[in-house]
N, C-alpha and C. Protein backbone atom coordinates (compact mmCIF):
# COMPACT_ATOMS: atom_id res chain seq x y z
N GLU A 1 14.21 23.89 2.08
CA GLU A 1 12.99 24.17 3.13
C GLU A 1 13.46 25.10 4.42
N GLY A 2 15.09 25.43 4.20
CA GLY A 2 15.19 26.49 5.39
C GLY A 2 15.18 25.64 6.47
N GLN A 3 15.51 24.29 6.37
CA GLN A 3 16.08 23.70 7.70
C GLN A 3 17.76 23.46 7.76
N GLY A 4 18.24 24.20 7.06
CA GLY A 4 19.66 23.97 7.01
C GLY A 4 20.29 23.63 5.71
N SER A 5 21.56 23.15 5.53
CA SER A 5 22.29 23.28 4.43
C SER A 5 21.60 21.82 3.50
N GLU A 6 21.48 22.06 2.28
CA GLU A 6 21.04 20.89 1.77
C GLU A 6 22.16 20.38 0.93
N HIS A 7 22.45 18.95 0.84
CA HIS A 7 23.61 18.32 0.44
C HIS A 7 23.29 17.69 -0.95
N SER A 8 22.06 17.30 -1.36
CA SER A 8 21.97 16.70 -2.48
C SER A 8 20.70 17.41 -3.20
N SER A 9 20.63 16.71 -4.20
CA SER A 9 19.24 17.33 -5.24
C SER A 9 18.83 16.50 -5.71
N ALA A 10 18.26 15.26 -4.72
CA ALA A 10 17.65 14.15 -5.11
C ALA A 10 16.21 14.37 -5.62
N ARG A 11 15.77 13.89 -6.93
CA ARG A 11 14.67 13.73 -7.40
C ARG A 11 13.63 12.36 -7.58
N MET A 12 12.65 12.48 -6.80
CA MET A 12 12.19 11.31 -6.47
C MET A 12 11.97 10.42 -7.94
N GLU A 13 11.22 11.34 -9.04
CA GLU A 13 10.95 10.72 -10.34
C GLU A 13 12.52 10.13 -11.08
N ARG A 14 13.46 10.57 -10.72
CA ARG A 14 14.59 10.13 -11.55
C ARG A 14 14.91 8.85 -10.67
N PHE A 15 14.77 8.36 -9.50
CA PHE A 15 14.77 7.44 -8.87
C PHE A 15 13.95 6.16 -9.10
N LEU A 16 12.58 6.65 -9.11
CA LEU A 16 11.54 5.91 -9.44
C LEU A 16 11.60 5.68 -10.87
N GLN A 17 12.54 5.97 -12.10
CA GLN A 17 12.32 5.66 -13.09
C GLN A 17 13.21 4.71 -13.21
N LEU A 18 14.05 4.53 -12.19
CA LEU A 18 15.20 3.13 -11.94
C LEU A 18 14.58 1.89 -11.59
N CYS A 19 13.24 1.98 -11.09
CA CYS A 19 12.89 0.99 -10.24
C CYS A 19 12.32 0.11 -11.04
N ALA A 20 12.78 -1.46 -11.32
CA ALA A 20 12.21 -2.44 -12.26
C ALA A 20 12.57 -4.00 -11.50
N ILE A 21 11.93 -4.82 -11.77
CA ILE A 21 12.09 -6.04 -10.95
C ILE A 21 12.49 -6.17 -9.73
N ASP A 22 11.81 -5.54 -8.93
CA ASP A 22 12.28 -5.28 -7.43
C ASP A 22 13.60 -5.26 -7.13
N ASN A 23 14.27 -4.08 -7.85
CA ASN A 23 15.57 -3.84 -7.97
C ASN A 23 16.11 -3.27 -6.96
N MET A 24 15.12 -2.11 -6.12
CA MET A 24 15.62 -1.22 -5.04
C MET A 24 14.33 -1.11 -4.19
N ILE A 25 14.26 -0.54 -2.86
CA ILE A 25 12.91 -0.10 -2.39
C ILE A 25 13.06 1.27 -2.15
N VAL A 26 11.96 2.03 -2.62
CA VAL A 26 11.64 3.29 -2.35
C VAL A 26 10.62 3.93 -1.40
N ALA A 27 11.14 4.74 -0.42
CA ALA A 27 9.86 5.32 0.50
C ALA A 27 10.01 6.60 0.75
N ASP A 28 9.00 7.10 1.38
CA ASP A 28 8.69 8.29 1.94
C ASP A 28 7.80 8.40 3.12
N CYS A 29 8.60 8.64 4.37
CA CYS A 29 7.96 7.73 5.18
C CYS A 29 7.34 9.03 6.13
N THR A 30 6.10 9.11 6.93
CA THR A 30 5.35 10.09 7.31
C THR A 30 5.42 10.12 8.89
N THR A 31 6.04 9.13 9.60
CA THR A 31 6.10 8.87 10.82
C THR A 31 7.37 8.72 11.33
N PRO A 32 8.01 8.94 12.44
CA PRO A 32 9.11 8.58 12.94
C PRO A 32 9.45 7.08 13.22
N ALA A 33 8.42 6.26 13.88
CA ALA A 33 8.29 5.05 13.89
C ALA A 33 8.31 4.16 12.91
N ASN A 34 7.66 4.46 11.94
CA ASN A 34 7.68 3.95 10.44
C ASN A 34 8.75 3.76 9.59
N PHE A 35 9.50 5.17 9.91
CA PHE A 35 11.02 4.89 9.66
C PHE A 35 11.90 4.15 10.16
N TYR A 36 11.84 4.31 11.79
CA TYR A 36 12.64 3.04 12.24
C TYR A 36 12.36 1.84 11.78
N HIS A 37 11.07 1.58 11.77
CA HIS A 37 10.61 0.02 11.26
C HIS A 37 11.40 -0.31 9.85
N LEU A 38 11.04 0.83 9.02
CA LEU A 38 11.81 0.74 7.70
C LEU A 38 13.27 0.37 7.61
N LEU A 39 14.07 1.32 8.68
CA LEU A 39 15.46 1.02 8.53
C LEU A 39 15.55 -0.38 9.13
N ARG A 40 14.95 -0.77 10.32
CA ARG A 40 15.16 -2.05 10.84
C ARG A 40 15.09 -3.19 9.80
N ARG A 41 13.76 -3.24 9.30
CA ARG A 41 13.43 -4.32 8.03
C ARG A 41 14.71 -4.22 7.44
N GLN A 42 15.26 -3.09 6.94
CA GLN A 42 16.49 -3.27 5.72
C GLN A 42 17.57 -3.98 6.57
N MET A 43 17.58 -3.77 8.08
CA MET A 43 19.01 -4.33 8.65
C MET A 43 18.64 -5.89 8.93
N LYS A 44 17.37 -6.23 9.00
CA LYS A 44 17.24 -7.80 9.61
C LYS A 44 16.99 -8.53 8.12
N ARG A 45 16.90 -8.09 7.30
CA ARG A 45 16.29 -9.02 6.06
C ARG A 45 17.57 -9.83 5.41
N ASP A 46 17.48 -11.01 4.95
CA ASP A 46 18.51 -11.97 4.43
C ASP A 46 19.05 -11.60 3.36
N TYR A 47 18.29 -10.51 2.50
CA TYR A 47 18.99 -9.87 1.47
C TYR A 47 19.54 -8.42 1.54
N ARG A 48 20.20 -8.10 0.68
CA ARG A 48 20.42 -6.72 0.58
C ARG A 48 20.04 -6.15 -0.91
N LYS A 49 19.29 -4.94 -0.67
CA LYS A 49 18.89 -3.97 -1.80
C LYS A 49 19.08 -2.72 -1.54
N PRO A 50 19.57 -1.64 -2.46
CA PRO A 50 19.38 -0.54 -2.19
C PRO A 50 17.91 0.02 -1.50
N LEU A 51 18.13 1.21 -0.47
CA LEU A 51 16.94 1.74 0.12
C LEU A 51 17.05 3.27 -0.01
N ILE A 52 15.93 3.87 -0.59
CA ILE A 52 16.15 5.17 -0.89
C ILE A 52 14.97 5.82 -0.34
N VAL A 53 15.43 6.71 0.72
CA VAL A 53 14.24 7.22 1.33
C VAL A 53 14.07 8.83 1.41
N PHE A 54 12.90 9.19 0.83
CA PHE A 54 12.77 10.58 0.60
C PHE A 54 11.93 11.40 1.73
N THR A 55 12.82 11.64 2.86
CA THR A 55 11.87 12.24 3.97
C THR A 55 12.66 13.79 4.27
N PRO A 56 12.00 14.88 3.89
CA PRO A 56 12.67 15.80 4.38
C PRO A 56 13.25 16.19 5.62
N LYS A 57 14.05 17.13 5.61
CA LYS A 57 14.68 17.94 7.24
C LYS A 57 13.21 18.33 8.13
N SER A 58 12.21 18.75 7.34
CA SER A 58 11.17 19.86 7.89
C SER A 58 10.41 18.47 9.06
N MET A 59 10.57 17.23 8.38
CA MET A 59 9.48 16.13 9.15
C MET A 59 10.22 16.04 10.60
N LEU A 60 11.51 16.51 10.76
CA LEU A 60 12.53 16.48 11.86
C LEU A 60 11.20 17.35 13.19
N ARG A 61 10.97 18.16 12.83
CA ARG A 61 10.26 19.28 13.47
C ARG A 61 8.96 19.48 13.57
N HIS A 62 7.97 18.77 12.39
CA HIS A 62 6.95 18.77 12.30
C HIS A 62 6.16 18.34 13.59
N PRO A 63 5.40 19.19 14.11
CA PRO A 63 4.60 19.02 15.44
C PRO A 63 3.50 17.86 15.26
N LEU A 64 3.24 17.18 14.04
CA LEU A 64 2.09 16.21 13.87
C LEU A 64 3.17 15.06 13.40
N ALA A 65 4.31 15.38 13.04
CA ALA A 65 5.07 14.07 12.96
C ALA A 65 5.69 13.50 14.03
N VAL A 66 5.07 12.98 15.06
CA VAL A 66 5.32 12.07 15.99
C VAL A 66 4.56 10.62 16.13
N SER A 67 5.45 9.92 17.09
CA SER A 67 5.23 8.47 17.22
C SER A 67 5.34 8.49 19.03
N SER A 68 4.32 7.31 19.48
CA SER A 68 4.49 7.05 20.92
C SER A 68 5.80 5.91 21.09
N LEU A 69 6.13 5.80 22.06
CA LEU A 69 6.94 4.78 22.56
C LEU A 69 6.35 3.30 22.13
N ASP A 70 5.23 2.99 22.20
CA ASP A 70 4.53 1.84 22.05
C ASP A 70 4.94 1.83 20.40
N ASP A 71 4.61 2.65 19.53
CA ASP A 71 4.69 2.47 17.96
C ASP A 71 6.29 1.89 17.66
N PHE A 72 7.14 2.50 18.45
CA PHE A 72 8.44 1.93 18.11
C PHE A 72 8.65 0.41 18.59
N ALA A 73 8.01 0.44 19.78
CA ALA A 73 8.48 -0.88 20.36
C ALA A 73 7.43 -2.13 19.88
N SER A 74 6.45 -1.96 19.30
CA SER A 74 5.90 -3.01 18.66
C SER A 74 5.30 -2.61 17.06
N GLY A 75 5.16 -3.55 16.40
CA GLY A 75 4.54 -3.36 15.11
C GLY A 75 5.63 -3.51 14.14
N SER A 76 5.58 -3.15 12.89
CA SER A 76 6.49 -3.29 11.66
C SER A 76 6.42 -2.19 10.84
N PHE A 77 7.13 -2.28 9.74
CA PHE A 77 6.95 -1.08 8.66
C PHE A 77 5.49 -1.26 7.92
N GLN A 78 4.75 -0.03 7.61
CA GLN A 78 3.79 -0.13 6.83
C GLN A 78 3.89 0.44 5.33
N GLU A 79 3.70 -0.11 4.74
CA GLU A 79 3.93 0.21 3.21
C GLU A 79 3.05 0.97 3.05
N VAL A 80 1.66 0.93 3.36
CA VAL A 80 0.43 2.10 3.51
C VAL A 80 -0.26 2.41 4.76
N ILE A 81 -0.45 3.60 4.63
CA ILE A 81 -1.24 3.98 6.27
C ILE A 81 -2.70 4.57 5.57
N ASP A 82 -3.50 3.71 6.28
CA ASP A 82 -5.02 4.44 5.91
C ASP A 82 -5.47 5.35 7.02
N ASP A 83 -6.50 6.01 6.73
CA ASP A 83 -6.88 6.95 7.37
C ASP A 83 -7.81 6.31 8.48
N ILE A 84 -7.97 7.12 9.51
CA ILE A 84 -8.89 6.81 10.77
C ILE A 84 -10.03 7.26 10.60
N LEU A 85 -10.71 7.95 9.46
CA LEU A 85 -12.23 8.32 9.49
C LEU A 85 -12.83 7.05 9.37
N GLU A 86 -14.27 7.25 9.37
CA GLU A 86 -15.16 6.39 9.38
C GLU A 86 -15.53 6.15 7.77
N PRO A 87 -15.25 4.69 7.59
CA PRO A 87 -15.10 4.53 5.87
C PRO A 87 -16.40 4.79 5.12
N VAL A 88 -17.65 4.64 5.97
CA VAL A 88 -18.83 4.73 5.41
C VAL A 88 -19.03 6.32 4.77
N ASN A 89 -18.68 7.31 5.25
CA ASN A 89 -18.96 8.60 5.20
C ASN A 89 -17.98 9.10 3.95
N ILE A 90 -16.89 8.31 3.67
CA ILE A 90 -15.95 8.71 2.44
C ILE A 90 -16.50 8.68 1.34
N THR A 91 -16.41 10.05 0.75
CA THR A 91 -16.83 9.79 -1.04
C THR A 91 -15.62 10.30 -1.88
N LYS A 92 -14.22 10.61 -1.32
CA LYS A 92 -13.15 11.21 -2.02
C LYS A 92 -12.21 10.37 -1.33
N LEU A 93 -11.21 9.71 -2.05
CA LEU A 93 -10.21 8.98 -1.41
C LEU A 93 -8.90 9.62 -2.10
N VAL A 94 -7.90 9.95 -1.52
CA VAL A 94 -7.01 10.91 -1.78
C VAL A 94 -5.48 10.03 -1.51
N PHE A 95 -4.98 9.52 -2.38
CA PHE A 95 -3.48 9.04 -1.99
C PHE A 95 -2.27 9.76 -2.07
N CYS A 96 -1.66 9.85 -1.02
CA CYS A 96 -0.50 10.92 -1.29
C CYS A 96 1.17 10.28 -1.01
N THR A 97 1.65 11.00 -0.64
CA THR A 97 3.16 10.22 0.06
C THR A 97 3.71 11.70 0.67
N GLY A 98 4.70 11.27 2.07
CA GLY A 98 5.45 12.12 2.51
C GLY A 98 4.73 13.00 3.02
N LYS A 99 5.64 14.20 3.32
CA LYS A 99 5.46 15.45 3.93
C LYS A 99 4.11 16.19 3.69
N PHE A 100 3.83 15.72 2.62
CA PHE A 100 2.36 16.10 1.72
C PHE A 100 1.18 16.19 2.62
N TYR A 101 1.34 14.66 3.02
CA TYR A 101 0.20 14.32 3.81
C TYR A 101 -0.34 15.36 4.91
N TYR A 102 0.67 15.70 5.51
CA TYR A 102 0.72 16.73 6.70
C TYR A 102 -0.15 18.23 5.99
N ASP A 103 0.64 18.57 5.09
CA ASP A 103 -0.42 19.75 4.42
C ASP A 103 -1.94 19.21 3.99
N LEU A 104 -2.04 18.12 3.65
CA LEU A 104 -3.50 17.73 3.10
C LEU A 104 -4.35 17.69 4.41
N LEU A 105 -3.85 17.01 5.58
CA LEU A 105 -4.65 16.90 6.57
C LEU A 105 -4.85 18.45 7.07
N ALA A 106 -3.97 19.31 7.27
CA ALA A 106 -4.44 20.76 7.70
C ALA A 106 -5.43 21.25 6.92
N GLU A 107 -5.29 21.28 5.35
CA GLU A 107 -6.27 21.68 4.73
C GLU A 107 -7.52 20.96 5.21
N ARG A 108 -7.68 19.66 5.24
CA ARG A 108 -9.13 19.19 5.52
C ARG A 108 -9.64 19.33 6.63
N THR A 109 -8.62 19.46 7.87
CA THR A 109 -9.24 19.91 9.10
C THR A 109 -9.48 21.65 8.97
N LYS A 110 -8.97 22.16 8.16
CA LYS A 110 -9.74 23.77 8.34
C LYS A 110 -10.83 23.68 7.72
N LEU A 111 -10.87 23.12 6.56
CA LEU A 111 -12.19 23.11 6.05
C LEU A 111 -13.62 22.21 6.51
N LYS A 112 -13.26 21.29 7.32
CA LYS A 112 -13.92 20.60 7.88
C LYS A 112 -14.37 19.69 7.40
N ARG A 113 -13.91 19.00 6.50
CA ARG A 113 -14.33 17.87 5.69
C ARG A 113 -14.13 16.55 6.15
N ASN A 114 -15.24 15.92 6.40
CA ASN A 114 -15.42 14.56 7.16
C ASN A 114 -15.40 13.53 5.74
N ASP A 115 -15.51 13.88 4.37
CA ASP A 115 -15.73 12.91 3.40
C ASP A 115 -14.66 12.76 2.73
N VAL A 116 -13.61 13.12 3.08
CA VAL A 116 -12.32 13.03 2.27
C VAL A 116 -11.22 12.13 3.25
N ALA A 117 -11.08 10.81 2.85
CA ALA A 117 -9.98 10.03 3.51
C ALA A 117 -8.37 10.03 2.65
N LEU A 118 -7.59 10.27 3.68
CA LEU A 118 -6.06 10.45 3.19
C LEU A 118 -5.47 8.93 3.39
N VAL A 119 -5.14 8.69 2.25
CA VAL A 119 -4.03 6.97 2.24
C VAL A 119 -3.11 7.47 2.13
N ARG A 120 -1.82 6.89 2.72
CA ARG A 120 -0.40 7.46 2.68
C ARG A 120 0.11 6.26 2.04
N ILE A 121 1.01 6.51 0.93
CA ILE A 121 1.40 5.38 0.11
C ILE A 121 2.99 5.63 0.96
N GLU A 122 3.47 4.68 1.54
CA GLU A 122 5.25 4.97 2.42
C GLU A 122 5.73 4.19 1.77
N GLN A 123 5.80 3.41 0.84
CA GLN A 123 6.72 2.60 0.07
C GLN A 123 6.16 2.69 -1.09
N LEU A 124 6.89 3.23 -1.98
CA LEU A 124 6.43 3.52 -3.70
C LEU A 124 6.60 2.88 -4.42
N PHE A 125 8.05 1.86 -4.36
CA PHE A 125 8.65 0.92 -4.65
C PHE A 125 8.96 -0.34 -3.89
N PRO A 126 8.45 -1.67 -3.95
CA PRO A 126 7.71 -2.05 -4.81
C PRO A 126 6.30 -1.79 -4.29
N LEU A 127 5.21 -1.29 -5.10
CA LEU A 127 4.14 -0.93 -4.78
C LEU A 127 3.37 -1.83 -4.19
N HIS A 128 2.48 -2.04 -2.91
CA HIS A 128 2.00 -2.83 -2.25
C HIS A 128 0.28 -2.96 -2.83
N LEU A 129 0.30 -3.79 -3.97
CA LEU A 129 -1.08 -3.33 -4.80
C LEU A 129 -2.18 -4.25 -3.88
N GLU A 130 -1.67 -5.25 -3.19
CA GLU A 130 -3.01 -6.21 -2.21
C GLU A 130 -3.31 -5.03 -1.15
N LYS A 131 -2.30 -4.75 -0.78
CA LYS A 131 -2.85 -3.59 0.50
C LYS A 131 -3.46 -2.62 0.19
N LEU A 132 -3.54 -1.90 -0.95
CA LEU A 132 -3.99 -0.68 -1.72
C LEU A 132 -5.53 -1.59 -1.98
N GLN A 133 -5.81 -2.44 -2.34
CA GLN A 133 -6.93 -3.08 -2.91
C GLN A 133 -7.57 -2.98 -1.68
N GLN A 134 -7.13 -3.58 -0.61
CA GLN A 134 -8.06 -4.04 0.60
C GLN A 134 -8.24 -2.60 1.29
N ILE A 135 -7.60 -1.51 1.08
CA ILE A 135 -8.24 -0.24 1.68
C ILE A 135 -9.34 0.22 0.62
N ILE A 136 -8.94 0.12 -0.52
CA ILE A 136 -9.91 0.78 -1.47
C ILE A 136 -11.35 0.10 -1.07
N ASP A 137 -11.11 -1.05 -1.27
CA ASP A 137 -12.62 -2.10 -0.75
C ASP A 137 -13.25 -1.81 0.55
N ASN A 138 -12.42 -0.91 1.39
CA ASN A 138 -13.06 -0.82 2.92
C ASN A 138 -14.06 0.44 2.59
N TYR A 139 -13.97 1.31 1.65
CA TYR A 139 -14.59 2.62 1.52
C TYR A 139 -15.61 2.22 0.21
N PRO A 140 -16.95 1.98 0.81
CA PRO A 140 -18.12 1.74 -0.25
C PRO A 140 -18.45 2.59 -0.85
N ASN A 141 -18.41 3.61 -0.43
CA ASN A 141 -19.24 4.99 -1.35
C ASN A 141 -18.13 6.08 -1.96
N VAL A 142 -17.31 5.71 -2.11
CA VAL A 142 -16.19 6.87 -2.72
C VAL A 142 -16.56 6.76 -4.51
N LYS A 143 -16.59 8.02 -4.46
CA LYS A 143 -16.90 8.47 -5.90
C LYS A 143 -15.98 8.99 -6.96
N LYS A 144 -14.67 9.30 -5.79
CA LYS A 144 -13.63 10.17 -6.73
C LYS A 144 -12.17 9.54 -5.94
N TYR A 145 -11.52 9.12 -6.78
CA TYR A 145 -10.15 8.62 -6.30
C TYR A 145 -8.98 9.68 -7.22
N VAL A 146 -8.22 10.18 -6.18
CA VAL A 146 -7.21 11.42 -6.70
C VAL A 146 -5.66 10.72 -6.01
N TRP A 147 -4.82 11.03 -6.68
CA TRP A 147 -3.41 11.04 -6.77
C TRP A 147 -3.03 12.66 -6.01
N ALA A 148 -2.49 12.66 -5.24
CA ALA A 148 -2.23 14.41 -4.63
C ALA A 148 -0.60 14.28 -4.48
N GLN A 149 0.05 15.05 -4.70
CA GLN A 149 1.29 15.64 -4.71
C GLN A 149 1.40 16.79 -4.97
N GLU A 150 2.80 17.36 -4.18
CA GLU A 150 2.87 18.93 -4.35
C GLU A 150 3.77 19.15 -5.47
N GLU A 151 4.62 18.48 -5.95
CA GLU A 151 5.68 18.53 -6.84
C GLU A 151 4.67 18.71 -8.65
N PRO A 152 5.23 19.25 -9.32
CA PRO A 152 4.57 19.34 -10.72
C PRO A 152 4.23 18.08 -10.99
N GLU A 153 3.44 18.36 -12.13
CA GLU A 153 2.62 17.02 -12.91
C GLU A 153 4.11 15.83 -13.40
N ASN A 154 4.72 16.66 -13.99
CA ASN A 154 5.85 15.90 -14.52
C ASN A 154 7.07 15.13 -13.46
N MET A 155 6.96 15.58 -12.53
CA MET A 155 7.78 15.09 -11.42
C MET A 155 7.06 14.42 -10.31
N GLY A 156 7.89 14.19 -9.36
CA GLY A 156 7.26 13.41 -8.18
C GLY A 156 7.06 11.91 -8.36
N ALA A 157 5.87 11.32 -7.71
CA ALA A 157 5.76 9.91 -7.80
C ALA A 157 4.68 9.89 -8.94
N TRP A 158 4.02 10.73 -9.29
CA TRP A 158 2.89 10.52 -10.18
C TRP A 158 3.20 9.52 -11.54
N SER A 159 4.23 9.72 -12.18
CA SER A 159 4.54 8.88 -13.47
C SER A 159 4.54 7.53 -12.83
N LEU A 160 5.22 7.03 -11.95
CA LEU A 160 5.36 5.66 -11.26
C LEU A 160 3.92 5.03 -10.62
N ILE A 161 3.07 6.26 -10.08
CA ILE A 161 1.74 5.51 -9.82
C ILE A 161 0.94 5.67 -11.10
N LEU A 162 0.83 6.26 -11.94
CA LEU A 162 0.37 6.29 -13.17
C LEU A 162 0.68 4.90 -14.03
N GLN A 163 1.83 4.62 -14.12
CA GLN A 163 2.08 3.22 -14.58
C GLN A 163 1.98 1.82 -13.68
N ARG A 164 1.96 1.98 -12.64
CA ARG A 164 1.89 0.95 -11.41
C ARG A 164 0.43 0.46 -10.59
N PHE A 165 -0.30 1.57 -10.51
CA PHE A 165 -1.21 1.44 -9.51
C PHE A 165 -2.28 1.44 -10.72
N ARG A 166 -2.71 0.40 -11.01
CA ARG A 166 -3.80 0.21 -12.06
C ARG A 166 -5.20 -0.52 -11.58
N LEU A 167 -5.15 -0.05 -10.07
CA LEU A 167 -6.29 -0.74 -9.67
C LEU A 167 -7.51 -0.09 -9.81
N LEU A 168 -7.51 1.00 -10.31
CA LEU A 168 -8.95 2.32 -10.66
C LEU A 168 -8.21 3.61 -11.10
N ASN A 169 -9.19 4.18 -11.62
CA ASN A 169 -8.93 5.38 -12.56
C ASN A 169 -8.45 6.61 -11.66
N LEU A 170 -7.33 6.95 -11.45
CA LEU A 170 -6.97 7.94 -10.80
C LEU A 170 -7.06 9.71 -11.30
N GLU A 171 -7.45 10.53 -10.60
CA GLU A 171 -7.39 11.69 -11.36
C GLU A 171 -5.89 12.34 -10.57
N VAL A 172 -5.18 13.12 -10.90
CA VAL A 172 -4.19 13.75 -10.53
C VAL A 172 -4.43 15.11 -9.77
N ALA A 173 -3.83 15.78 -8.77
CA ALA A 173 -3.84 16.85 -8.05
C ALA A 173 -2.59 17.48 -7.74
N SER A 174 -2.10 18.51 -8.84
CA SER A 174 -0.83 18.22 -8.96
C SER A 174 -0.53 19.83 -9.45
N GLN A 175 0.56 20.14 -8.96
CA GLN A 175 0.93 21.82 -9.83
C GLN A 175 1.19 21.43 -11.17
N PRO A 176 0.88 22.25 -12.33
CA PRO A 176 1.09 21.83 -13.83
C PRO A 176 2.32 21.77 -14.09
N PHE A 177 2.49 20.97 -15.17
CA PHE A 177 3.73 20.30 -15.76
C PHE A 177 4.65 21.74 -15.47
N TYR A 178 6.02 21.58 -15.50
CA TYR A 178 6.97 22.15 -15.30
C TYR A 178 8.29 21.99 -15.75
N ALA A 179 9.29 23.19 -16.65
CA ALA A 179 10.25 22.69 -16.92
C ALA A 179 11.48 22.53 -16.35
């Protein structure tokens, strides 16, 4: 991303293929406070399991990726972050993860769309289906559900979402399959 040396070629889909029986935690945080609470939760737990975090360096300098001191001081890790728009006006519910949220938010702002809600899935595995169902139930007028990712369709988190997010039928918005 032009943010300096890259020391790994981590591919989200490769780690997500290894996920089974709650053997690890895979996250993609969008706020500094949520990242802090994720690390804190990892250290405070009574058990140990691998934590894989896909947060790019560009998030370190993103002007919208900020948290208040109160966000750090109170609260806990949020597996799913709902949008702040009025649920009654929403006709399209878009699920995404990581920095792509900020790209979608910028596009929604540019197009002045107040009928599209963006839901951030911060913890991809284990997927918190109960929280996702609560958010889905909060939007009574939604006609279209979408999983959006910047990676090609055969990469990123789409395969995991397709396998494990069986609460509703999702369309995918991504780049086409890529070799």
